[in-house]
Structure formats: structure tokens, C-alpha cells
Amino acid sequence: MMPLCARLRRLPSLALAACAALVCAAANGQQASAWTSPWIATWGTAMVQGSQANAPELAGQTLRLTAHSSVGGSQVRIWLSNRFGVTPLRIGAAHIAMSAESSPAADLTSIVPGSDRVITFAGSANVIIPPGATIVSDPAALDVPPLANVAVSLYFPESAQGMTLHSSARQSSYITTGNAVSASSFTSLAPNREFWTRDSWYFLTGIDVYAPGASAIVAMGDSITDGNHSTLNANHRWPDYLASRLAANQATRKAGILGMVNTGISGNRVLLDGDGPSALSRIDWDVLDRSGARFLILFHGINDIEATTRNRQPYSDLLDRLEWGLMQIAAQAHQHGMRVIAATQMPDCHSDPCTWPEGEKVRTALNEWIRHAPVFDGVIDFDAATRDPAQPMELRAEYNSGDYVHPNDAGYKAMADTIDLTLFTRDYAGLKK
């Protein structure tokens, strides 16, 4: 195969040529990668800034958050973030346990008896997180199996606004009064102890397990990666389905490619902030800093095109800027020893003729570039897997959740099923343990 730098120099686009030197330097940098760590991200999410008007005040309350593991391990630690807070965040107590139930209709506030563990921070049961900071806890001895629900409970003894969160999580979180971090369930509390349900994760941005020899994949994208319109509490996002495939596949198990981190943000863009920080501005904390991150699946760009259409802005050099932005992300991931798998943008039209023909031209051109750009280490063709053969600008009817943009559960599974797992088990030169 032609060396990366030589292939890049053959690209005709001025934007790509300008970026080629950066990518070549990154590819040749041989910086140590995070995936050599024995700590592996079994779950993760991306944080956004909440609004003052809607952020819950958590003073004197306990928050119980449910997360779904991918890789299993013998110890566990959590990552907490006050990234968008403007005041110090005090955690008075933190516990972790296995959720007792995993079905969507079950009581997800309940935990497995005997699995409850105290989480400490430098040996202390409480911690203060400065504004803008993200911290990691001490390890706790808890055997976390793969593909299981984990419950993290946080108690806030003083004012704590939920300004750092992941909204539209497709996973219920629970809030109750008082310190209930060790409660067997919130529903079993006394009648005067009410609890409330939220569809967001607050402060919890990652869970690691101790799993030497394993590594993780990070999926970075927008609402389709985030799992919009998938079944609530069912873990039917396409990265969830991919995690199940990785766990069941003999080759990926042998290679230790088992962790799955979903850093999709609904409404997110590559080039500009919008719903959450832009992909370019959040790559450090949402991709590069994830424990054991060895691969990046980069599935981004459609919201940049949609925003241009919605705001009636000229498309002009949007395609070149998107190509440049995706190459920048790939370059930084390569610098950290990761391999980057790019995914094509899915159909986003539902009329004939298309109501945004110029935007559709950009989407089609971007997909053709993704399929052939040598900067990526592999390609996933989500467009080909989900489009209607008779109407290629539309989703297949059996995958349409109803808005002609987001897949249903069957569509998300089809996305995961189209991914060639050998992308993660190939002998990439320079990427060996």
C-alpha cells in the first residue's frame, strides 16, 4: 500500500493539500497512545452545557444514573465533570453498583444486593470539582460483566446545578431527596421520599474497568450516534449493537477490541458550536482522553450541511471546510496512535424533488470523498446500508423512525450489522501492542 503521506499529496483539493503536512507529521509522530493502559472505557458520553432555566438544583438530593457496560473488568472507576459549571461542585458521597434489572420496563433504580461499593477520591468519600474540571475516582473492587447495566449514585450536600450534562440520553436517571446513595432502590424508600425521572446524564462522563489487554472504540457523531428515536432504556443505539457484536465475535475478543464509548451529541456539528461544542473543539476530552481508546469511528457532517440550509447561507466552500475539519480530527487521533474509521452520511431528504437540492449535492460529494480519502484507515458506508434503493435520498421505510432522518431500532441494528469487524482486527503497521 502507498504510504499515507504519498497518498495525501495526490489529493487535488486545496483544503486537503493544506492539511496534508499536518496529517503526515501526526502519522509519523508515534506518540504513545492511551489504549496501552490497563484501564479501559466501558462506557462514556459527551457533556454539553445546560441552561440556567432548565438545569435542576440538586442540593440535598441524590442522583442515580444508569449506564450500560461494553467490556467487563475486575475493578471500576468513574469520571465526573464540572466542565460547564461556574462554581465548585461538591460531591458528598458516591456509590457504584450493578443494576438489578436490565429490561426497559423494569425498575432501573434497583441495584443487585451485595454489589454496592463506595467510590472514593484520593481516599476521601467526598470531593470538590473545580469549575471546568473533569476528575477520575479511585478504583473500586467490583466485577463488572460486559453488556450489563451499572448504577452510579451521587449525593450533593449543597447547591449543585445540573449545568454539565448529556441531554436526550435515551436512558432514565433518577433524583430523590436526602442521601440515598446506598438505597436498594428509590421505589422502596418511605412514601414521603419521592423520586423524579430525567432523560439526561448529569456530571458522569465515563466509566472505566480494569481489563489489561483490552482496548476501546470511540464513536463520535451527532443525534444518530446519540441514538435519537431508539427505544428508551433499551440500549438500542447503533454503538450499543456494535458493542454486542464485538463481545460475540471471536476475532475481536481475541484482539481485545471490546470497549465502546458513545460521544454522539444531538444537533452537533463539526465546524461550529451549536448543540454542544463543535467536534473540532471537543476531540480532546471526548476522544483522545478516553481510557484505552484505540479506534475512532468518525460519523459527522450532516448537521453542518443542514444548518447552512436552515440559515439560508451560501454553500460556497462548505464541502472543502468539512473535508478539512474531518482531516484535522483524523490527524489528531493518528497523533495519539489511534486508527480512524470514517462513516458516510445517511439520507436526509423525504420529498421528490428534494427540498434542499444544494445540501443534497454537498452530502453526496462528502460521501464520495469519505469513501476514497486515503487519510482514513477504513470506511463504513452507512449511506449505502440505510438508503431506499428506489429513492436513494430517503431512508428505507423499514428503518424510518417517522421523521425520515433518524432510524428506528431496526435501522440502528442494520447500521451496526453493516460494520466490517475486520476493520478492528487488521494488522495496522505501527499499531501493535
Protein backbone atom coordinates (compact mmCIF):
# COMPACT_ATOMS: atom_id res chain seq x y z
CA MET A 1 0.00 0.00 0.00
CA MET A 2 1.22 3.53 -0.82
CA PRO A 3 2.48 5.39 2.29
CA LEU A 4 -0.04 7.76 3.84
CA CYS A 5 1.87 10.97 3.07
CA ALA A 6 2.44 9.99 -0.53
CA ARG A 7 -1.26 9.24 -0.97
CA LEU A 8 -2.26 12.54 0.64
CA ARG A 9 -0.09 14.56 -1.74
CA ARG A 10 -2.07 13.20 -4.69
CA LEU A 11 -5.32 14.78 -3.40
CA PRO A 12 -6.47 17.66 -5.63
CA SER A 13 -8.35 19.82 -3.09
CA LEU A 14 -6.54 22.92 -1.82
CA ALA A 15 -8.00 22.32 1.64
CA LEU A 16 -6.66 18.79 1.69
CA ALA A 17 -3.28 19.86 0.42
CA ALA A 18 -3.04 22.45 3.18
CA CYS A 19 -3.83 19.79 5.76
CA ALA A 20 -1.56 17.10 4.33
CA ALA A 21 1.57 18.28 6.09
CA LEU A 22 -0.19 18.26 9.46
CA VAL A 23 -1.59 14.77 8.91
CA CYS A 24 1.76 13.40 7.76
CA ALA A 25 3.51 14.84 10.80
CA ALA A 26 0.85 13.33 13.05
CA ALA A 27 1.02 9.93 11.37
CA ASN A 28 4.80 9.88 11.76
CA GLY A 29 4.77 11.23 15.32
CA GLN A 30 4.48 7.83 17.00
CA GLN A 31 3.08 9.41 20.17
CA ALA A 32 2.21 6.89 22.88
CA SER A 33 -1.50 6.06 22.75
CA ALA A 34 -3.99 5.80 25.58
CA TRP A 35 -5.01 2.28 24.58
CA THR A 36 -1.88 0.82 26.12
CA SER A 37 -3.41 1.47 29.56
CA PRO A 38 -4.91 -1.44 31.55
CA TRP A 39 -7.87 0.86 32.28
CA ILE A 40 -10.44 0.65 29.50
CA ALA A 41 -13.51 2.80 28.94
CA THR A 42 -16.53 0.52 29.19
CA TRP A 43 -18.98 3.42 28.84
CA GLY A 44 -18.81 7.11 28.11
CA THR A 45 -20.84 10.08 26.99
CA ALA A 46 -20.23 13.65 25.83
CA MET A 47 -21.14 16.63 28.00
CA VAL A 48 -22.95 19.79 26.91
CA GLN A 49 -23.87 22.99 28.71
CA GLY A 50 -27.33 23.13 30.29
CA SER A 51 -29.46 26.25 30.50
CA GLN A 52 -29.89 28.15 33.75
CA ALA A 53 -33.65 27.98 33.31
CA ASN A 54 -33.83 24.18 32.99
CA ALA A 55 -30.86 22.91 35.00
CA PRO A 56 -32.10 21.05 38.10
CA GLU A 57 -30.97 22.24 41.53
CA LEU A 58 -29.66 19.13 43.27
CA ALA A 59 -28.85 20.48 46.75
CA GLY A 60 -29.69 17.87 49.41
CA GLN A 61 -30.58 15.27 46.77
CA THR A 62 -29.23 12.00 45.36
CA LEU A 63 -28.89 11.34 41.67
CA ARG A 64 -28.86 7.74 40.40
CA LEU A 65 -27.54 7.32 36.86
CA THR A 66 -27.71 4.15 34.77
CA ALA A 67 -25.01 3.27 32.22
CA HIS A 68 -24.53 0.20 30.02
CA SER A 69 -21.14 -1.52 30.03
CA SER A 70 -19.38 -2.86 26.96
CA VAL A 71 -16.15 -4.54 28.13
CA GLY A 72 -16.03 -6.27 31.53
CA GLY A 73 -13.40 -5.87 34.23
CA SER A 74 -12.46 -6.72 37.80
CA GLN A 75 -12.29 -3.13 39.10
CA VAL A 76 -14.12 0.05 38.19
CA ARG A 77 -13.61 3.79 38.36
CA ILE A 78 -15.73 6.76 37.27
CA TRP A 79 -15.09 10.11 35.60
CA LEU A 80 -17.05 13.15 36.82
CA SER A 81 -17.13 16.50 35.07
CA ASN A 82 -17.89 20.07 36.10
CA ARG A 83 -16.86 21.27 32.66
CA PHE A 84 -19.67 23.81 32.23
CA GLY A 85 -20.15 24.69 35.87
CA VAL A 86 -19.37 28.19 37.08
CA THR A 87 -18.96 27.27 40.77
CA PRO A 88 -17.18 24.38 42.53
CA LEU A 89 -19.20 21.14 42.56
CA ARG A 90 -19.19 19.25 45.86
CA ILE A 91 -19.93 15.52 45.76
CA GLY A 92 -20.80 14.46 49.33
CA ALA A 93 -20.93 10.73 48.60
CA ALA A 94 -20.65 8.47 45.57
CA HIS A 95 -21.51 4.79 45.17
CA ILE A 96 -21.48 2.33 42.28
CA ALA A 97 -23.40 -0.94 41.95
CA MET A 98 -24.81 -3.29 39.39
CA SER A 99 -28.39 -2.53 38.34
CA ALA A 100 -30.76 -5.27 39.41
CA GLU A 101 -32.85 -5.09 36.25
CA SER A 102 -31.96 -4.52 32.62
CA SER A 103 -35.27 -4.69 30.75
CA PRO A 104 -36.80 -1.38 29.61
CA ALA A 105 -39.96 -1.84 31.70
CA ALA A 106 -38.15 -2.77 34.92
CA ASP A 107 -37.34 -0.62 37.96
CA LEU A 108 -33.98 0.77 36.93
CA THR A 109 -33.49 2.39 40.32
CA SER A 110 -32.86 -1.00 41.97
CA ILE A 111 -29.40 -2.49 42.47
CA VAL A 112 -28.08 -6.03 42.90
CA PRO A 113 -27.82 -6.91 46.62
CA GLY A 114 -24.21 -7.05 47.75
CA SER A 115 -22.86 -5.17 44.72
CA ASP A 116 -22.91 -1.66 46.24
CA ARG A 117 -19.44 -0.09 46.52
CA VAL A 118 -18.26 3.22 47.95
CA ILE A 119 -16.44 5.42 45.46
CA THR A 120 -13.56 7.46 46.88
CA PHE A 121 -11.37 10.26 45.57
CA ALA A 122 -7.77 10.15 46.81
CA GLY A 123 -9.11 8.11 49.72
CA SER A 124 -11.88 10.56 50.62
CA ALA A 125 -15.60 9.82 50.36
CA ASN A 126 -16.28 13.38 49.16
CA VAL A 127 -14.67 15.67 46.63
CA ILE A 128 -14.92 19.22 45.26
CA ILE A 129 -14.61 19.55 41.48
CA PRO A 130 -13.45 22.99 40.33
CA PRO A 131 -15.34 24.76 37.52
CA GLY A 132 -14.24 23.44 34.13
CA ALA A 133 -12.52 20.37 35.56
CA THR A 134 -13.00 16.65 34.97
CA ILE A 135 -11.74 14.16 37.58
CA VAL A 136 -11.31 10.41 37.94
CA SER A 137 -12.11 8.42 41.08
CA ASP A 138 -10.08 5.82 42.91
CA PRO A 139 -10.59 2.22 41.76
CA ALA A 140 -13.31 0.17 43.44
CA ALA A 141 -13.34 -3.63 43.56
CA LEU A 142 -16.43 -4.56 41.57
CA ASP A 143 -16.66 -7.29 38.95
CA VAL A 144 -18.45 -5.58 36.07
CA PRO A 145 -19.64 -8.00 33.40
CA PRO A 146 -19.88 -6.98 29.75
CA LEU A 147 -23.20 -5.66 28.38
CA ALA A 148 -24.69 -5.02 31.82
CA ASN A 149 -26.30 -2.01 33.49
CA VAL A 150 -24.31 -0.15 36.12
CA ALA A 151 -25.82 2.31 38.64
CA VAL A 152 -23.82 5.33 39.80
CA SER A 153 -25.31 7.30 42.72
CA LEU A 154 -24.15 10.81 43.67
CA TYR A 155 -25.21 12.86 46.72
CA PHE A 156 -24.99 16.65 46.68
CA PRO A 157 -24.93 18.18 50.18
CA GLU A 158 -25.05 21.78 48.93
CA SER A 159 -26.07 23.83 45.90
CA ALA A 160 -25.34 21.93 42.69
CA GLN A 161 -26.91 22.98 39.42
CA GLY A 162 -27.00 20.37 36.67
CA MET A 163 -25.21 22.57 34.13
CA THR A 164 -22.89 19.82 32.86
CA LEU A 165 -24.96 17.09 31.31
CA HIS A 166 -25.76 14.88 28.38
CA SER A 167 -29.33 15.63 27.39
CA SER A 168 -31.66 13.33 25.41
CA ALA A 169 -29.79 10.33 26.74
CA ARG A 170 -32.49 7.75 25.88
CA GLN A 171 -31.78 6.49 29.39
CA SER A 172 -33.70 7.39 32.54
CA SER A 173 -31.92 8.91 35.53
CA TYR A 174 -33.47 9.33 38.96
CA ILE A 175 -33.39 12.02 41.67
CA THR A 176 -34.60 11.70 45.26
CA THR A 177 -34.29 13.75 48.44
CA GLY A 178 -31.59 13.14 51.04
CA ASN A 179 -28.57 10.89 50.93
CA ALA A 180 -29.75 7.68 49.26
CA VAL A 181 -26.56 6.54 47.54
CA SER A 182 -26.75 3.10 49.16
CA ALA A 183 -30.52 2.61 48.81
CA SER A 184 -31.51 -0.76 47.34
CA SER A 185 -33.96 1.14 45.14
CA PHE A 186 -35.64 4.54 45.09
CA THR A 187 -39.10 3.00 44.79
CA SER A 188 -38.61 1.22 48.13
CA LEU A 189 -37.98 4.43 50.05
CA ALA A 190 -40.58 5.67 52.51
CA PRO A 191 -43.72 7.18 50.95
CA ASN A 192 -42.56 10.69 51.83
CA ARG A 193 -39.37 10.17 49.82
CA GLU A 194 -40.46 10.92 46.28
CA PHE A 195 -38.23 10.49 43.27
CA TRP A 196 -38.17 12.13 39.86
CA THR A 197 -37.13 10.86 36.45
CA ARG A 198 -34.89 12.69 33.99
CA ASP A 199 -33.82 11.76 30.45
CA SER A 200 -30.28 13.07 30.91
CA TRP A 201 -26.96 12.06 32.42
CA TYR A 202 -25.52 14.69 34.78
CA PHE A 203 -21.79 15.05 35.59
CA LEU A 204 -20.98 11.38 34.85
CA THR A 205 -18.95 11.33 31.65
CA GLY A 206 -17.16 7.98 31.78
CA ILE A 207 -16.79 4.58 33.45
CA ASP A 208 -13.58 2.54 33.17
CA VAL A 209 -12.88 -1.06 34.07
CA TYR A 210 -9.56 -2.72 34.81
CA ALA A 211 -9.08 -5.00 31.80
CA PRO A 212 -5.41 -5.38 30.77
CA GLY A 213 -5.06 -6.37 27.13
CA ALA A 214 -8.34 -4.79 26.06
CA SER A 215 -8.98 -1.55 24.21
CA ALA A 216 -11.87 0.66 23.17
CA ILE A 217 -13.59 2.19 20.16
CA VAL A 218 -14.94 5.74 20.37
CA ALA A 219 -17.93 6.68 18.21
CA MET A 220 -18.08 10.43 17.57
CA GLY A 221 -21.10 11.93 15.87
CA ASP A 222 -24.46 13.63 16.19
CA SER A 223 -28.03 12.58 17.03
CA ILE A 224 -27.88 9.36 15.01
CA THR A 225 -24.86 8.20 17.01
CA ASP A 226 -26.60 9.51 20.15
CA GLY A 227 -29.49 7.15 19.38
CA ASN A 228 -32.37 9.59 18.92
CA HIS A 229 -35.71 7.79 18.48
CA SER A 230 -34.33 4.48 19.75
CA THR A 231 -36.33 2.74 22.49
CA LEU A 232 -35.92 4.37 25.90
CA ASN A 233 -33.74 2.38 28.34
CA ALA A 234 -33.23 -0.43 25.82
CA ASN A 235 -29.64 0.35 24.71
CA HIS A 236 -30.57 0.15 21.05
CA ARG A 237 -28.26 2.83 19.68
CA TRP A 238 -26.02 1.63 16.87
CA PRO A 239 -22.89 1.74 19.12
CA ASP A 240 -24.77 -0.49 21.61
CA TYR A 241 -25.50 -3.02 18.89
CA LEU A 242 -21.86 -2.82 17.79
CA ALA A 243 -20.71 -3.50 21.38
CA SER A 244 -22.81 -6.67 21.37
CA ARG A 245 -21.22 -7.77 18.09
CA LEU A 246 -17.72 -7.11 19.43
CA ALA A 247 -18.44 -9.17 22.54
CA ALA A 248 -19.79 -12.08 20.48
CA ASN A 249 -17.07 -12.14 17.80
CA GLN A 250 -14.14 -14.49 18.38
CA ALA A 251 -11.63 -12.34 16.48
CA THR A 252 -12.44 -9.08 18.28
CA ARG A 253 -12.45 -10.88 21.64
CA LYS A 254 -9.01 -12.31 20.87
CA ALA A 255 -7.75 -8.87 19.81
CA GLY A 256 -9.25 -7.26 22.90
CA ILE A 257 -11.36 -4.77 20.90
CA LEU A 258 -14.28 -4.77 23.32
CA GLY A 259 -14.82 -1.32 24.83
CA MET A 260 -17.37 1.02 23.23
CA VAL A 261 -17.71 4.72 24.01
CA ASN A 262 -20.52 6.81 22.51
CA THR A 263 -19.72 10.52 22.30
CA GLY A 264 -22.53 11.47 19.94
CA ILE A 265 -24.35 14.75 20.66
CA SER A 266 -27.73 15.51 19.15
CA GLY A 267 -27.53 18.54 16.87
CA ASN A 268 -23.73 18.60 16.99
CA ARG A 269 -21.61 20.00 14.16
CA VAL A 270 -18.03 19.56 13.00
CA LEU A 271 -17.08 23.17 12.37
CA LEU A 272 -19.14 25.38 14.69
CA ASP A 273 -20.57 25.16 18.19
CA GLY A 274 -24.30 24.62 18.33
CA ASP A 275 -25.84 21.85 20.36
CA GLY A 276 -22.68 21.23 22.31
CA PRO A 277 -19.13 22.24 21.41
CA SER A 278 -18.06 21.55 17.84
CA ALA A 279 -16.39 18.23 17.08
CA LEU A 280 -13.14 20.06 16.42
CA SER A 281 -13.21 21.73 19.84
CA ARG A 282 -14.18 18.65 21.85
CA ILE A 283 -11.91 15.99 20.40
CA ASP A 284 -9.52 16.05 23.37
CA TRP A 285 -11.96 15.20 26.14
CA ASP A 286 -14.44 13.20 24.04
CA VAL A 287 -11.97 11.05 22.06
CA LEU A 288 -8.28 11.35 22.85
CA ASP A 289 -8.60 11.25 26.64
CA ARG A 290 -10.80 8.15 26.76
CA SER A 291 -9.10 5.27 28.55
CA GLY A 292 -7.81 2.59 26.20
CA ALA A 293 -9.12 4.38 23.08
CA ARG A 294 -7.65 2.57 20.08
CA PHE A 295 -10.14 3.31 17.28
CA LEU A 296 -12.31 6.28 16.33
CA ILE A 297 -15.45 5.90 14.25
CA LEU A 298 -15.98 9.39 12.83
CA PHE A 299 -19.58 9.87 11.65
CA HIS A 300 -20.09 13.61 11.34
CA GLY A 301 -21.07 16.42 8.99
CA ILE A 302 -24.79 16.30 8.20
CA ASN A 303 -25.71 18.98 10.76
CA ASP A 304 -23.20 21.40 9.22
CA ILE A 305 -24.99 20.94 5.90
CA GLU A 306 -28.45 21.24 7.47
CA ALA A 307 -27.51 24.41 9.39
CA THR A 308 -26.30 26.03 6.18
CA THR A 309 -29.62 25.17 4.54
CA ARG A 310 -31.72 26.26 7.53
CA ASN A 311 -29.92 29.59 7.86
CA ARG A 312 -30.06 30.21 4.10
CA GLN A 313 -26.31 30.63 3.94
CA PRO A 314 -24.24 30.12 0.80
CA TYR A 315 -22.71 26.66 0.46
CA SER A 316 -19.63 28.05 -1.34
CA ASP A 317 -16.65 26.23 0.23
CA LEU A 318 -18.61 24.19 2.82
CA LEU A 319 -17.50 20.90 1.28
CA ASP A 320 -13.82 21.87 1.44
CA ARG A 321 -14.20 23.07 5.03
CA LEU A 322 -15.91 19.83 6.08
CA GLU A 323 -13.19 17.76 4.45
CA TRP A 324 -10.57 19.87 6.22
CA GLY A 325 -12.36 19.52 9.58
CA LEU A 326 -12.62 15.75 9.33
CA MET A 327 -8.98 15.53 8.32
CA GLN A 328 -7.98 17.62 11.33
CA ILE A 329 -9.79 15.22 13.65
CA ALA A 330 -8.19 12.23 11.93
CA ALA A 331 -4.74 13.84 12.22
CA GLN A 332 -5.08 14.37 15.95
CA ALA A 333 -6.34 10.84 16.50
CA HIS A 334 -3.42 9.47 14.48
CA GLN A 335 -1.03 11.53 16.60
CA HIS A 336 -2.35 9.61 19.63
CA GLY A 337 -1.83 6.22 17.99
CA MET A 338 -5.48 5.70 17.10
CA ARG A 339 -6.91 4.44 13.83
CA VAL A 340 -9.77 6.38 12.26
CA ILE A 341 -12.74 4.75 10.53
CA ALA A 342 -14.93 7.29 8.71
CA ALA A 343 -18.64 6.74 8.03
CA THR A 344 -20.75 8.16 5.21
CA GLN A 345 -23.69 10.49 5.90
CA MET A 346 -27.13 8.90 5.68
CA PRO A 347 -30.09 10.10 3.55
CA ASP A 348 -31.79 13.19 4.93
CA CYS A 349 -34.48 14.02 2.39
CA HIS A 350 -38.14 13.00 2.26
CA SER A 351 -39.66 14.61 -0.79
CA ASP A 352 -39.31 14.48 -4.53
CA PRO A 353 -37.79 16.74 -5.63
CA CYS A 354 -35.61 17.18 -2.54
CA THR A 355 -36.36 20.40 -0.65
CA TRP A 356 -32.64 21.10 -0.20
CA PRO A 357 -31.02 20.08 -3.52
CA GLU A 358 -27.81 22.05 -2.90
CA GLY A 359 -27.41 20.45 0.51
CA GLU A 360 -28.00 17.03 -1.01
CA LYS A 361 -25.24 17.73 -3.53
CA VAL A 362 -22.85 18.53 -0.68
CA ARG A 363 -23.87 15.36 1.21
CA THR A 364 -23.33 13.22 -1.89
CA ALA A 365 -19.95 14.82 -2.62
CA LEU A 366 -18.85 14.47 1.01
CA ASN A 367 -19.75 10.78 0.95
CA GLU A 368 -17.77 10.21 -2.22
CA TRP A 369 -14.79 11.93 -0.64
CA ILE A 370 -15.11 9.83 2.55
CA ARG A 371 -15.23 6.62 0.51
CA HIS A 372 -11.95 7.43 -1.22
CA ALA A 373 -9.96 9.79 1.03
CA PRO A 374 -6.76 7.94 1.96
CA VAL A 375 -6.41 9.78 5.25
CA PHE A 376 -8.85 7.33 6.85
CA ASP A 377 -7.89 3.82 7.88
CA GLY A 378 -11.24 2.40 6.83
CA VAL A 379 -14.76 3.33 5.79
CA ILE A 380 -18.25 2.34 6.97
CA ASP A 381 -20.91 3.02 4.34
CA PHE A 382 -23.96 3.84 6.46
CA ASP A 383 -25.47 5.64 3.46
CA ALA A 384 -25.47 2.50 1.30
CA ALA A 385 -26.76 0.36 4.17
CA THR A 386 -29.78 2.51 5.02
CA ARG A 387 -30.94 4.27 1.84
CA ASP A 388 -34.01 3.22 -0.11
CA PRO A 389 -32.83 1.62 -3.38
CA ALA A 390 -35.79 3.17 -5.21
CA GLN A 391 -35.38 6.60 -3.55
CA PRO A 392 -31.68 6.89 -2.62
CA MET A 393 -32.20 10.28 -0.95
CA GLU A 394 -34.53 8.66 1.61
CA LEU A 395 -34.17 6.11 4.40
CA ARG A 396 -35.56 2.65 3.75
CA ALA A 397 -39.13 2.53 5.05
CA GLU A 398 -38.39 -0.32 7.47
CA TYR A 399 -35.62 1.76 9.09
CA ASN A 400 -37.52 5.05 9.31
CA SER A 401 -38.47 6.12 12.85
CA GLY A 402 -41.03 8.52 11.43
CA ASP A 403 -39.06 11.71 10.87
CA TYR A 404 -37.20 10.44 7.78
CA VAL A 405 -33.89 11.34 9.45
CA HIS A 406 -33.36 9.10 12.49
CA PRO A 407 -33.52 5.32 12.24
CA ASN A 408 -35.71 3.16 14.44
CA ASP A 409 -34.27 0.26 16.43
CA ALA A 410 -34.16 -1.94 13.33
CA GLY A 411 -32.31 0.78 11.45
CA TYR A 412 -29.75 1.21 14.23
CA LYS A 413 -29.16 -2.54 14.27
CA ALA A 414 -28.73 -2.54 10.49
CA MET A 415 -26.10 0.18 10.85
CA ALA A 416 -24.13 -1.87 13.36
CA ASP A 417 -24.53 -5.04 11.31
CA THR A 418 -23.03 -3.41 8.21
CA ILE A 419 -19.75 -2.67 10.00
CA ASP A 420 -16.96 -4.99 8.89
CA LEU A 421 -15.39 -6.17 12.16
CA THR A 422 -12.08 -6.89 10.42
CA LEU A 423 -11.62 -3.11 10.43
CA PHE A 424 -10.67 -3.57 14.08
CA THR A 425 -8.56 -6.71 13.83
CA ARG A 426 -6.29 -5.88 10.89
CA ASP A 427 -2.55 -5.73 11.42
CA TYR A 428 -2.12 -1.99 11.01
CA ALA A 429 1.54 -1.10 10.66
CA GLY A 430 2.76 0.78 13.69
CA LEU A 431 -0.28 -0.14 15.78
CA LYS A 432 0.75 -3.24 17.68
CA LYS A 433 0.81 -3.95 21.38
